[in-house]
Amino acid sequence: MRFHFGPIPETPDFVPEPPWRAMKEPTPWLMQLLAVPVAVLSGVLIGALWFWLTPLKELSRAPLFGLWFLTAFVWLIPVHEAVHALVHPGRGLSDRTCIGLWLSRGLFYAHCHGPMSRNRFIAILIAPFVVLSVMPLIGCAIVGITHPLPVTGSIVNAFLACGDLLGVLLIVSQIPREATIQNQSWRTYWHTKSDHFAAKS
């Protein structure tokens, strides 16, 4: 695992030429703008499910409950990126994993160098939403007990995962299931086995 400050680093030995195809995706600034409605939808949905499935109404009236939301923004960012990294090849411990901060874009990221399957790529993107937003909700709904830590973490993470969820939508709508994906900085490229064989012939 490596740490990096600045834009998502490029992979030096990767040349995105045919059979690689560029996925149609917005610039980082536009991506953040488009992610806003996704954040509102996912955050409100998870919050509504907490009210519907757990005894959250009683907890929300507790003193200092609102402060838990503020602290959630602090601890969730590194934990969110760590969950991304754990789904990387090598569980985020290899040189392929890069944890970074791009201050000019206000982005924290967990980047993985090298190719991987489309399904693995989707799993990396969606893992923090499932682990930090959905699983605590299901667990508390089953036991019928709530605590400010999982509640606020789940709801805040649902907002923070908006870029990941938008990325999943872009991949599912454009890239076939059997494809291989690789990033070059923030750009995403892909090809299928048939593309690879066609380029060699």
N, C-alpha and C. Protein backbone atom coordinates (compact mmCIF):
# COMPACT_ATOMS: atom_id res chain seq x y z
N MET A 1 0.84 -1.20 0.00
CA MET A 1 0.00 0.00 0.00
C MET A 1 0.88 1.25 0.00
N ARG A 2 0.51 2.21 -0.84
CA ARG A 2 1.24 3.46 -0.90
C ARG A 2 0.30 4.63 -0.63
N PHE A 3 0.85 5.75 -0.21
CA PHE A 3 0.07 6.96 0.05
C PHE A 3 0.50 8.05 -0.92
N HIS A 4 -0.48 8.83 -1.38
CA HIS A 4 -0.19 9.82 -2.41
C HIS A 4 -1.01 11.08 -2.17
N PHE A 5 -0.36 12.24 -2.35
CA PHE A 5 -1.06 13.52 -2.27
C PHE A 5 -1.11 14.12 -3.66
N GLY A 6 -2.31 14.47 -4.10
CA GLY A 6 -2.48 15.02 -5.43
C GLY A 6 -3.40 14.18 -6.28
N PRO A 7 -3.43 14.44 -7.59
CA PRO A 7 -4.32 13.70 -8.48
C PRO A 7 -4.04 12.20 -8.43
N ILE A 8 -5.02 11.42 -8.82
CA ILE A 8 -4.86 9.97 -8.87
C ILE A 8 -3.69 9.64 -9.81
N PRO A 9 -2.69 8.92 -9.34
CA PRO A 9 -1.49 8.68 -10.15
C PRO A 9 -1.78 7.75 -11.34
N GLU A 10 -1.00 7.95 -12.40
CA GLU A 10 -1.11 7.09 -13.56
C GLU A 10 -0.32 5.81 -13.35
N THR A 11 -0.66 4.79 -14.13
CA THR A 11 0.08 3.53 -14.13
C THR A 11 1.10 3.61 -15.26
N PRO A 12 2.40 3.68 -14.95
CA PRO A 12 3.41 3.96 -15.99
C PRO A 12 3.42 2.96 -17.14
N ASP A 13 3.20 1.67 -16.85
CA ASP A 13 3.32 0.66 -17.90
C ASP A 13 2.00 0.36 -18.61
N PHE A 14 0.98 1.18 -18.36
CA PHE A 14 -0.32 0.95 -19.02
C PHE A 14 -0.51 1.98 -20.12
N VAL A 15 -0.68 1.48 -21.35
CA VAL A 15 -0.94 2.35 -22.50
C VAL A 15 -2.35 2.03 -23.00
N PRO A 16 -3.30 2.94 -22.81
CA PRO A 16 -4.70 2.67 -23.17
C PRO A 16 -4.97 2.75 -24.67
N GLU A 17 -4.34 1.85 -25.41
CA GLU A 17 -4.58 1.75 -26.85
C GLU A 17 -5.43 0.53 -27.13
N PRO A 18 -6.02 0.41 -28.36
CA PRO A 18 -6.83 -0.76 -28.69
C PRO A 18 -6.08 -2.05 -28.35
N PRO A 19 -6.76 -3.03 -27.72
CA PRO A 19 -8.23 -3.17 -27.65
C PRO A 19 -8.91 -2.42 -26.50
N TRP A 20 -8.17 -1.62 -25.73
CA TRP A 20 -8.79 -0.89 -24.64
C TRP A 20 -9.71 0.20 -25.19
N ARG A 21 -10.86 0.35 -24.56
CA ARG A 21 -11.82 1.40 -24.92
C ARG A 21 -12.04 2.30 -23.70
N ALA A 22 -12.20 3.58 -23.96
CA ALA A 22 -12.46 4.52 -22.87
C ALA A 22 -13.94 4.53 -22.53
N MET A 23 -14.23 4.39 -21.24
CA MET A 23 -15.61 4.52 -20.80
C MET A 23 -16.02 5.99 -20.84
N LYS A 24 -17.24 6.26 -21.25
CA LYS A 24 -17.73 7.63 -21.25
C LYS A 24 -18.04 8.04 -19.82
N GLU A 25 -17.31 9.03 -19.34
CA GLU A 25 -17.49 9.46 -17.95
C GLU A 25 -17.19 10.95 -17.83
N PRO A 26 -17.82 11.62 -16.89
CA PRO A 26 -17.62 13.07 -16.71
C PRO A 26 -16.27 13.38 -16.10
N THR A 27 -15.88 14.64 -16.16
CA THR A 27 -14.66 15.09 -15.48
C THR A 27 -14.87 14.98 -13.96
N PRO A 28 -13.79 15.02 -13.17
CA PRO A 28 -13.96 14.93 -11.71
C PRO A 28 -14.91 15.98 -11.14
N TRP A 29 -14.82 17.24 -11.64
CA TRP A 29 -15.72 18.28 -11.13
C TRP A 29 -17.16 17.98 -11.49
N LEU A 30 -17.41 17.58 -12.74
CA LEU A 30 -18.78 17.28 -13.17
C LEU A 30 -19.29 16.03 -12.46
N MET A 31 -18.41 15.08 -12.22
CA MET A 31 -18.79 13.87 -11.50
C MET A 31 -19.32 14.22 -10.11
N GLN A 32 -18.63 15.15 -9.43
CA GLN A 32 -19.08 15.56 -8.10
C GLN A 32 -20.43 16.26 -8.16
N LEU A 33 -20.63 17.05 -9.21
CA LEU A 33 -21.91 17.75 -9.36
C LEU A 33 -23.04 16.77 -9.62
N LEU A 34 -22.80 15.81 -10.51
CA LEU A 34 -23.83 14.81 -10.83
C LEU A 34 -24.11 13.89 -9.65
N ALA A 35 -23.13 13.77 -8.76
CA ALA A 35 -23.30 12.87 -7.61
C ALA A 35 -24.20 13.48 -6.54
N VAL A 36 -24.44 14.78 -6.59
CA VAL A 36 -25.25 15.43 -5.55
C VAL A 36 -26.65 14.84 -5.45
N PRO A 37 -27.42 14.72 -6.57
CA PRO A 37 -28.74 14.11 -6.43
C PRO A 37 -28.68 12.65 -5.97
N VAL A 38 -27.61 11.95 -6.36
CA VAL A 38 -27.45 10.56 -5.89
C VAL A 38 -27.23 10.55 -4.38
N ALA A 39 -26.46 11.51 -3.88
CA ALA A 39 -26.21 11.61 -2.44
C ALA A 39 -27.51 11.87 -1.68
N VAL A 40 -28.30 12.78 -2.19
CA VAL A 40 -29.58 13.10 -1.53
C VAL A 40 -30.48 11.87 -1.52
N LEU A 41 -30.57 11.20 -2.66
CA LEU A 41 -31.44 10.03 -2.75
C LEU A 41 -30.99 8.91 -1.82
N SER A 42 -29.70 8.57 -1.86
CA SER A 42 -29.20 7.46 -1.04
C SER A 42 -29.24 7.81 0.44
N GLY A 43 -28.88 9.05 0.79
CA GLY A 43 -28.89 9.46 2.20
C GLY A 43 -30.28 9.48 2.79
N VAL A 44 -31.22 10.06 2.05
CA VAL A 44 -32.61 10.14 2.52
C VAL A 44 -33.22 8.74 2.61
N LEU A 45 -32.92 7.89 1.63
CA LEU A 45 -33.46 6.53 1.64
C LEU A 45 -32.97 5.74 2.85
N ILE A 46 -31.65 5.79 3.10
CA ILE A 46 -31.12 5.06 4.25
C ILE A 46 -31.66 5.63 5.55
N GLY A 47 -31.76 6.97 5.65
CA GLY A 47 -32.32 7.59 6.85
C GLY A 47 -33.76 7.18 7.08
N ALA A 48 -34.55 7.14 6.00
CA ALA A 48 -35.95 6.74 6.12
C ALA A 48 -36.06 5.29 6.57
N LEU A 49 -35.17 4.43 6.08
CA LEU A 49 -35.20 3.02 6.48
C LEU A 49 -34.84 2.86 7.95
N TRP A 50 -33.92 3.70 8.46
CA TRP A 50 -33.62 3.65 9.90
C TRP A 50 -34.85 4.01 10.73
N PHE A 51 -35.60 5.03 10.31
CA PHE A 51 -36.81 5.41 11.03
C PHE A 51 -37.88 4.34 10.93
N TRP A 52 -37.94 3.65 9.79
CA TRP A 52 -38.99 2.67 9.55
C TRP A 52 -38.70 1.33 10.23
N LEU A 53 -37.43 0.92 10.21
CA LEU A 53 -37.09 -0.44 10.64
C LEU A 53 -36.53 -0.53 12.06
N THR A 54 -36.13 0.59 12.66
CA THR A 54 -35.51 0.55 13.98
C THR A 54 -36.16 1.58 14.90
N PRO A 55 -35.91 1.49 16.21
CA PRO A 55 -36.45 2.49 17.15
C PRO A 55 -35.66 3.79 17.14
N LEU A 56 -35.43 4.35 15.95
CA LEU A 56 -34.60 5.54 15.82
C LEU A 56 -35.29 6.79 16.37
N LYS A 57 -36.61 6.83 16.35
CA LYS A 57 -37.31 8.04 16.82
C LYS A 57 -36.95 8.36 18.26
N GLU A 58 -36.86 7.33 19.08
CA GLU A 58 -36.50 7.56 20.49
C GLU A 58 -35.06 8.05 20.61
N LEU A 59 -34.15 7.45 19.84
CA LEU A 59 -32.74 7.82 19.91
C LEU A 59 -32.50 9.24 19.40
N SER A 60 -33.23 9.65 18.37
CA SER A 60 -33.00 10.96 17.75
C SER A 60 -33.33 12.12 18.70
N ARG A 61 -34.08 11.83 19.75
CA ARG A 61 -34.41 12.88 20.72
C ARG A 61 -33.40 12.94 21.87
N ALA A 62 -32.39 12.07 21.84
CA ALA A 62 -31.39 12.05 22.91
C ALA A 62 -30.47 13.27 22.82
N PRO A 63 -29.98 13.75 23.97
CA PRO A 63 -29.07 14.91 23.96
C PRO A 63 -27.80 14.62 23.15
N LEU A 64 -27.31 15.63 22.46
CA LEU A 64 -26.07 15.56 21.70
C LEU A 64 -26.11 14.58 20.52
N PHE A 65 -27.31 14.12 20.15
CA PHE A 65 -27.38 13.17 19.03
C PHE A 65 -26.83 13.81 17.75
N GLY A 66 -27.09 15.10 17.58
CA GLY A 66 -26.62 15.78 16.37
C GLY A 66 -25.10 15.81 16.25
N LEU A 67 -24.39 15.83 17.41
CA LEU A 67 -22.93 15.87 17.37
C LEU A 67 -22.34 14.60 16.78
N TRP A 68 -23.07 13.50 16.91
CA TRP A 68 -22.59 12.25 16.33
C TRP A 68 -22.47 12.35 14.81
N PHE A 69 -23.35 13.13 14.19
CA PHE A 69 -23.28 13.31 12.74
C PHE A 69 -21.99 14.04 12.35
N LEU A 70 -21.61 15.03 13.15
CA LEU A 70 -20.38 15.77 12.86
C LEU A 70 -19.15 14.88 13.01
N THR A 71 -19.10 14.10 14.07
CA THR A 71 -17.95 13.20 14.27
C THR A 71 -17.91 12.11 13.20
N ALA A 72 -19.08 11.73 12.66
CA ALA A 72 -19.11 10.69 11.64
C ALA A 72 -18.32 11.10 10.40
N PHE A 73 -18.37 12.38 10.04
CA PHE A 73 -17.63 12.85 8.87
C PHE A 73 -16.13 12.70 9.07
N VAL A 74 -15.67 12.75 10.33
CA VAL A 74 -14.24 12.65 10.61
C VAL A 74 -13.76 11.21 10.50
N TRP A 75 -14.42 10.28 11.18
CA TRP A 75 -13.93 8.91 11.20
C TRP A 75 -14.33 8.11 9.97
N LEU A 76 -15.41 8.52 9.29
CA LEU A 76 -15.89 7.73 8.17
C LEU A 76 -14.98 7.78 6.95
N ILE A 77 -14.34 8.92 6.70
CA ILE A 77 -13.55 9.06 5.48
C ILE A 77 -12.42 8.03 5.42
N PRO A 78 -11.56 7.92 6.44
CA PRO A 78 -10.52 6.89 6.35
C PRO A 78 -11.07 5.47 6.37
N VAL A 79 -12.14 5.24 7.14
CA VAL A 79 -12.72 3.90 7.18
C VAL A 79 -13.35 3.54 5.84
N HIS A 80 -14.04 4.50 5.22
CA HIS A 80 -14.65 4.29 3.90
C HIS A 80 -13.59 3.87 2.87
N GLU A 81 -12.47 4.59 2.84
CA GLU A 81 -11.41 4.26 1.88
C GLU A 81 -10.73 2.94 2.22
N ALA A 82 -10.63 2.63 3.51
CA ALA A 82 -10.04 1.36 3.92
C ALA A 82 -10.88 0.18 3.45
N VAL A 83 -12.21 0.34 3.48
CA VAL A 83 -13.09 -0.73 2.99
C VAL A 83 -12.89 -0.92 1.49
N HIS A 84 -12.78 0.19 0.74
CA HIS A 84 -12.44 0.07 -0.68
C HIS A 84 -11.19 -0.77 -0.85
N ALA A 85 -10.14 -0.41 -0.12
CA ALA A 85 -8.83 -1.05 -0.28
C ALA A 85 -8.87 -2.54 0.07
N LEU A 86 -9.68 -2.91 1.04
CA LEU A 86 -9.76 -4.31 1.45
C LEU A 86 -10.30 -5.22 0.35
N VAL A 87 -11.02 -4.64 -0.60
CA VAL A 87 -11.57 -5.42 -1.71
C VAL A 87 -10.61 -5.44 -2.90
N HIS A 88 -9.55 -4.63 -2.84
CA HIS A 88 -8.53 -4.66 -3.89
C HIS A 88 -7.84 -6.02 -3.92
N PRO A 89 -7.25 -6.39 -5.06
CA PRO A 89 -6.39 -7.59 -5.07
C PRO A 89 -5.29 -7.46 -4.02
N GLY A 90 -5.07 -8.52 -3.26
CA GLY A 90 -4.10 -8.46 -2.18
C GLY A 90 -4.62 -7.79 -0.94
N ARG A 91 -5.95 -7.56 -0.89
CA ARG A 91 -6.60 -6.93 0.26
C ARG A 91 -6.03 -5.55 0.60
N GLY A 92 -5.54 -4.85 -0.41
CA GLY A 92 -5.04 -3.51 -0.22
C GLY A 92 -3.64 -3.42 0.32
N LEU A 93 -2.96 -4.55 0.51
CA LEU A 93 -1.63 -4.54 1.10
C LEU A 93 -0.51 -4.54 0.06
N SER A 94 -0.85 -4.74 -1.21
CA SER A 94 0.17 -4.81 -2.25
C SER A 94 0.49 -3.41 -2.77
N ASP A 95 1.52 -3.33 -3.61
CA ASP A 95 1.91 -2.06 -4.22
C ASP A 95 0.88 -1.55 -5.20
N ARG A 96 -0.10 -2.38 -5.55
CA ARG A 96 -1.14 -1.95 -6.49
C ARG A 96 -2.09 -0.95 -5.86
N THR A 97 -2.17 -0.93 -4.54
CA THR A 97 -3.12 -0.05 -3.84
C THR A 97 -2.47 1.28 -3.49
N CYS A 98 -3.19 2.35 -3.79
CA CYS A 98 -2.72 3.70 -3.47
C CYS A 98 -3.84 4.45 -2.76
N ILE A 99 -3.58 4.90 -1.55
CA ILE A 99 -4.53 5.72 -0.80
C ILE A 99 -4.10 7.18 -0.96
N GLY A 100 -5.02 8.04 -1.40
CA GLY A 100 -4.60 9.40 -1.70
C GLY A 100 -5.59 10.48 -1.30
N LEU A 101 -5.10 11.70 -1.35
CA LEU A 101 -5.89 12.89 -1.06
C LEU A 101 -5.63 13.90 -2.18
N TRP A 102 -6.70 14.28 -2.89
CA TRP A 102 -6.61 15.25 -3.97
C TRP A 102 -7.30 16.52 -3.48
N LEU A 103 -6.52 17.39 -2.83
CA LEU A 103 -7.09 18.54 -2.14
C LEU A 103 -7.84 19.49 -3.07
N SER A 104 -7.32 19.75 -4.26
CA SER A 104 -7.95 20.70 -5.17
C SER A 104 -9.32 20.24 -5.64
N ARG A 105 -9.58 18.93 -5.54
CA ARG A 105 -10.89 18.39 -5.91
C ARG A 105 -11.70 17.98 -4.69
N GLY A 106 -11.09 18.09 -3.51
CA GLY A 106 -11.77 17.68 -2.28
C GLY A 106 -12.05 16.20 -2.25
N LEU A 107 -11.12 15.39 -2.77
CA LEU A 107 -11.36 13.95 -2.90
C LEU A 107 -10.35 13.13 -2.10
N PHE A 108 -10.86 12.17 -1.36
CA PHE A 108 -10.05 11.08 -0.83
C PHE A 108 -10.31 9.88 -1.74
N TYR A 109 -9.31 9.07 -1.97
CA TYR A 109 -9.52 7.94 -2.87
C TYR A 109 -8.64 6.75 -2.49
N ALA A 110 -9.12 5.58 -2.88
CA ALA A 110 -8.35 4.35 -2.79
C ALA A 110 -8.26 3.81 -4.21
N HIS A 111 -7.09 3.93 -4.80
CA HIS A 111 -6.89 3.60 -6.21
C HIS A 111 -6.14 2.28 -6.34
N CYS A 112 -6.53 1.48 -7.33
CA CYS A 112 -5.87 0.20 -7.57
C CYS A 112 -5.27 0.19 -8.97
N HIS A 113 -3.97 0.00 -9.05
CA HIS A 113 -3.29 -0.10 -10.33
C HIS A 113 -3.49 -1.50 -10.91
N GLY A 114 -3.54 -1.58 -12.23
CA GLY A 114 -3.61 -2.88 -12.89
C GLY A 114 -5.02 -3.29 -13.25
N PRO A 115 -5.13 -4.29 -14.14
CA PRO A 115 -6.45 -4.73 -14.61
C PRO A 115 -7.17 -5.60 -13.60
N MET A 116 -8.48 -5.64 -13.72
CA MET A 116 -9.31 -6.52 -12.90
C MET A 116 -10.64 -6.74 -13.61
N SER A 117 -11.39 -7.71 -13.15
CA SER A 117 -12.68 -8.00 -13.78
C SER A 117 -13.67 -6.89 -13.48
N ARG A 118 -14.66 -6.77 -14.35
CA ARG A 118 -15.72 -5.77 -14.14
C ARG A 118 -16.42 -5.98 -12.82
N ASN A 119 -16.73 -7.25 -12.48
CA ASN A 119 -17.45 -7.52 -11.24
C ASN A 119 -16.60 -7.17 -10.01
N ARG A 120 -15.30 -7.40 -10.09
CA ARG A 120 -14.41 -7.03 -8.98
C ARG A 120 -14.39 -5.51 -8.84
N PHE A 121 -14.37 -4.80 -9.94
CA PHE A 121 -14.35 -3.35 -9.93
C PHE A 121 -15.62 -2.81 -9.27
N ILE A 122 -16.77 -3.40 -9.64
CA ILE A 122 -18.04 -2.97 -9.05
C ILE A 122 -18.05 -3.27 -7.55
N ALA A 123 -17.52 -4.44 -7.17
CA ALA A 123 -17.48 -4.81 -5.75
C ALA A 123 -16.66 -3.81 -4.95
N ILE A 124 -15.54 -3.35 -5.53
CA ILE A 124 -14.70 -2.35 -4.86
C ILE A 124 -15.49 -1.06 -4.64
N LEU A 125 -16.22 -0.63 -5.67
CA LEU A 125 -16.97 0.62 -5.58
C LEU A 125 -18.09 0.55 -4.54
N ILE A 126 -18.80 -0.56 -4.51
CA ILE A 126 -20.03 -0.62 -3.71
C ILE A 126 -19.78 -1.13 -2.29
N ALA A 127 -18.60 -1.68 -2.02
CA ALA A 127 -18.33 -2.29 -0.71
C ALA A 127 -18.57 -1.34 0.47
N PRO A 128 -18.07 -0.09 0.46
CA PRO A 128 -18.33 0.77 1.62
C PRO A 128 -19.80 1.05 1.86
N PHE A 129 -20.60 1.17 0.80
CA PHE A 129 -22.03 1.40 0.98
C PHE A 129 -22.68 0.19 1.66
N VAL A 130 -22.30 -1.00 1.22
CA VAL A 130 -22.89 -2.21 1.80
C VAL A 130 -22.42 -2.40 3.24
N VAL A 131 -21.12 -2.28 3.47
CA VAL A 131 -20.54 -2.57 4.79
C VAL A 131 -20.89 -1.51 5.83
N LEU A 132 -20.84 -0.22 5.44
CA LEU A 132 -20.99 0.86 6.41
C LEU A 132 -22.39 1.45 6.48
N SER A 133 -23.20 1.28 5.42
CA SER A 133 -24.56 1.85 5.43
C SER A 133 -25.64 0.79 5.57
N VAL A 134 -25.54 -0.29 4.80
CA VAL A 134 -26.60 -1.29 4.77
C VAL A 134 -26.49 -2.29 5.91
N MET A 135 -25.30 -2.83 6.15
CA MET A 135 -25.15 -3.87 7.17
C MET A 135 -25.47 -3.39 8.59
N PRO A 136 -25.03 -2.19 9.00
CA PRO A 136 -25.43 -1.72 10.34
C PRO A 136 -26.95 -1.56 10.46
N LEU A 137 -27.58 -1.10 9.40
CA LEU A 137 -29.04 -0.95 9.40
C LEU A 137 -29.73 -2.30 9.59
N ILE A 138 -29.29 -3.29 8.83
CA ILE A 138 -29.89 -4.63 8.93
C ILE A 138 -29.65 -5.21 10.32
N GLY A 139 -28.42 -5.06 10.83
CA GLY A 139 -28.10 -5.61 12.15
C GLY A 139 -28.94 -4.99 13.25
N CYS A 140 -29.06 -3.67 13.25
CA CYS A 140 -29.85 -3.00 14.28
C CYS A 140 -31.34 -3.29 14.13
N ALA A 141 -31.81 -3.47 12.90
CA ALA A 141 -33.21 -3.81 12.68
C ALA A 141 -33.53 -5.20 13.23
N ILE A 142 -32.57 -6.12 13.10
CA ILE A 142 -32.79 -7.49 13.59
C ILE A 142 -32.83 -7.54 15.11
N VAL A 143 -31.87 -6.85 15.76
CA VAL A 143 -31.82 -6.92 17.22
C VAL A 143 -32.75 -5.91 17.89
N GLY A 144 -33.24 -4.94 17.13
CA GLY A 144 -34.16 -3.95 17.69
C GLY A 144 -33.52 -2.95 18.61
N ILE A 145 -32.21 -2.72 18.44
CA ILE A 145 -31.48 -1.79 19.28
C ILE A 145 -30.73 -0.80 18.38
N THR A 146 -30.68 0.45 18.76
CA THR A 146 -29.92 1.44 18.00
C THR A 146 -28.93 2.16 18.90
N HIS A 147 -27.89 2.68 18.27
CA HIS A 147 -26.85 3.47 18.95
C HIS A 147 -26.43 4.57 17.99
N PRO A 148 -26.06 5.75 18.48
CA PRO A 148 -25.71 6.84 17.57
C PRO A 148 -24.59 6.53 16.60
N LEU A 149 -23.62 5.68 17.00
CA LEU A 149 -22.47 5.42 16.13
C LEU A 149 -22.88 4.73 14.82
N PRO A 150 -23.55 3.57 14.85
CA PRO A 150 -23.94 2.96 13.57
C PRO A 150 -24.99 3.75 12.81
N VAL A 151 -25.89 4.43 13.55
CA VAL A 151 -26.95 5.19 12.87
C VAL A 151 -26.36 6.34 12.06
N THR A 152 -25.58 7.20 12.74
CA THR A 152 -25.04 8.36 12.05
C THR A 152 -24.01 7.94 11.00
N GLY A 153 -23.21 6.92 11.32
CA GLY A 153 -22.23 6.44 10.34
C GLY A 153 -22.90 5.92 9.10
N SER A 154 -23.98 5.17 9.26
CA SER A 154 -24.71 4.61 8.13
C SER A 154 -25.29 5.70 7.24
N ILE A 155 -25.92 6.69 7.84
CA ILE A 155 -26.58 7.75 7.06
C ILE A 155 -25.55 8.65 6.38
N VAL A 156 -24.53 9.07 7.12
CA VAL A 156 -23.50 9.93 6.53
C VAL A 156 -22.77 9.21 5.42
N ASN A 157 -22.45 7.93 5.63
CA ASN A 157 -21.76 7.17 4.59
C ASN A 157 -22.62 7.03 3.33
N ALA A 158 -23.94 6.96 3.50
CA ALA A 158 -24.82 6.88 2.34
C ALA A 158 -24.69 8.12 1.47
N PHE A 159 -24.48 9.26 2.11
CA PHE A 159 -24.22 10.50 1.36
C PHE A 159 -22.84 10.45 0.70
N LEU A 160 -21.83 10.03 1.48
CA LEU A 160 -20.45 10.03 0.97
C LEU A 160 -20.24 9.03 -0.16
N ALA A 161 -21.05 7.98 -0.21
CA ALA A 161 -20.89 6.94 -1.22
C ALA A 161 -21.52 7.31 -2.56
N CYS A 162 -21.98 8.55 -2.70
CA CYS A 162 -22.70 8.94 -3.91
C CYS A 162 -21.85 8.78 -5.17
N GLY A 163 -20.56 9.14 -5.09
CA GLY A 163 -19.69 8.99 -6.26
C GLY A 163 -19.49 7.53 -6.63
N ASP A 164 -19.38 6.67 -5.62
CA ASP A 164 -19.24 5.24 -5.87
C ASP A 164 -20.48 4.68 -6.55
N LEU A 165 -21.65 5.06 -6.05
CA LEU A 165 -22.90 4.57 -6.62
C LEU A 165 -23.08 5.07 -8.05
N LEU A 166 -22.70 6.31 -8.30
CA LEU A 166 -22.78 6.84 -9.66
C LEU A 166 -21.81 6.10 -10.57
N GLY A 167 -20.63 5.78 -10.05
CA GLY A 167 -19.66 5.01 -10.83
C GLY A 167 -20.19 3.63 -11.20
N VAL A 168 -20.89 2.99 -10.27
CA VAL A 168 -21.49 1.69 -10.57
C VAL A 168 -22.52 1.82 -11.69
N LEU A 169 -23.34 2.85 -11.64
CA LEU A 169 -24.34 3.06 -12.69
C LEU A 169 -23.68 3.26 -14.05
N LEU A 170 -22.58 4.01 -14.10
CA LEU A 170 -21.88 4.24 -15.36
C LEU A 170 -21.31 2.94 -15.91
N ILE A 171 -20.73 2.12 -15.03
CA ILE A 171 -20.12 0.86 -15.47
C ILE A 171 -21.19 -0.12 -15.95
N VAL A 172 -22.25 -0.28 -15.18
CA VAL A 172 -23.30 -1.23 -15.53
C VAL A 172 -23.97 -0.86 -16.85
N SER A 173 -24.09 0.45 -17.11
CA SER A 173 -24.78 0.90 -18.32
C SER A 173 -23.89 0.85 -19.56
N GLN A 174 -22.57 0.71 -19.39
CA GLN A 174 -21.69 0.80 -20.55
C GLN A 174 -20.80 -0.42 -20.79
N ILE A 175 -20.48 -1.15 -19.73
CA ILE A 175 -19.44 -2.18 -19.85
C ILE A 175 -20.04 -3.57 -19.66
N PRO A 176 -19.75 -4.52 -20.57
CA PRO A 176 -20.29 -5.89 -20.45
C PRO A 176 -19.77 -6.61 -19.22
N ARG A 177 -20.51 -7.61 -18.77
CA ARG A 177 -20.15 -8.35 -17.56
C ARG A 177 -18.79 -9.02 -17.67
N GLU A 178 -18.45 -9.52 -18.86
CA GLU A 178 -17.22 -10.30 -19.01
C GLU A 178 -15.99 -9.44 -19.25
N ALA A 179 -16.14 -8.12 -19.18
CA ALA A 179 -15.05 -7.21 -19.53
C ALA A 179 -13.98 -7.15 -18.43
N THR A 180 -12.80 -6.72 -18.85
CA THR A 180 -11.70 -6.39 -17.95
C THR A 180 -11.58 -4.88 -17.90
N ILE A 181 -11.36 -4.34 -16.70
CA ILE A 181 -11.30 -2.89 -16.50
C ILE A 181 -9.95 -2.48 -15.93
N GLN A 182 -9.48 -1.32 -16.34
CA GLN A 182 -8.29 -0.74 -15.74
C GLN A 182 -8.40 0.77 -15.76
N ASN A 183 -7.96 1.38 -14.67
CA ASN A 183 -7.94 2.84 -14.58
C ASN A 183 -6.58 3.38 -15.00
N GLN A 184 -6.61 4.54 -15.64
CA GLN A 184 -5.40 5.34 -15.86
C GLN A 184 -5.69 6.71 -15.28
N SER A 185 -5.15 6.98 -14.08
CA SER A 185 -5.54 8.13 -13.30
C SER A 185 -7.05 8.03 -13.03
N TRP A 186 -7.84 9.06 -13.34
CA TRP A 186 -9.28 8.99 -13.04
C TRP A 186 -10.08 8.43 -14.21
N ARG A 187 -9.44 8.17 -15.35
CA ARG A 187 -10.15 7.64 -16.50
C ARG A 187 -10.25 6.12 -16.43
N THR A 188 -11.34 5.58 -16.95
CA THR A 188 -11.60 4.15 -16.90
C THR A 188 -11.60 3.57 -18.31
N TYR A 189 -10.87 2.45 -18.48
CA TYR A 189 -10.78 1.77 -19.78
C TYR A 189 -11.19 0.31 -19.62
N TRP A 190 -11.64 -0.29 -20.71
CA TRP A 190 -12.11 -1.67 -20.63
C TRP A 190 -11.95 -2.36 -21.98
N HIS A 191 -11.95 -3.69 -21.92
CA HIS A 191 -12.00 -4.51 -23.14
C HIS A 191 -12.52 -5.88 -22.77
N THR A 192 -12.99 -6.61 -23.77
CA THR A 192 -13.43 -7.99 -23.58
C THR A 192 -12.40 -8.93 -24.20
N LYS A 193 -12.52 -10.23 -23.95
CA LYS A 193 -11.60 -11.19 -24.54
C LYS A 193 -11.69 -11.18 -26.06
N SER A 194 -12.90 -11.02 -26.58
CA SER A 194 -13.07 -10.99 -28.03
C SER A 194 -12.37 -9.76 -28.63
N ASP A 195 -12.41 -8.62 -27.91
CA ASP A 195 -11.68 -7.43 -28.37
C ASP A 195 -10.19 -7.72 -28.42
N HIS A 196 -9.70 -8.42 -27.40
CA HIS A 196 -8.27 -8.71 -27.29
C HIS A 196 -7.81 -9.60 -28.43
N PHE A 197 -8.59 -10.65 -28.72
CA PHE A 197 -8.23 -11.55 -29.80
C PHE A 197 -8.33 -10.88 -31.16
N ALA A 198 -9.33 -10.01 -31.32
CA ALA A 198 -9.51 -9.30 -32.58
C ALA A 198 -8.34 -8.36 -32.85
N ALA A 199 -7.82 -7.73 -31.79
CA ALA A 199 -6.70 -6.81 -31.95
C ALA A 199 -5.42 -7.57 -32.33
N LYS A 200 -5.28 -8.82 -31.89
CA LYS A 200 -4.09 -9.60 -32.20
C LYS A 200 -4.13 -10.19 -33.61
N SER A 201 -5.36 -10.39 -34.13
CA SER A 201 -5.49 -11.04 -35.44
C SER A 201 -5.26 -10.05 -36.58
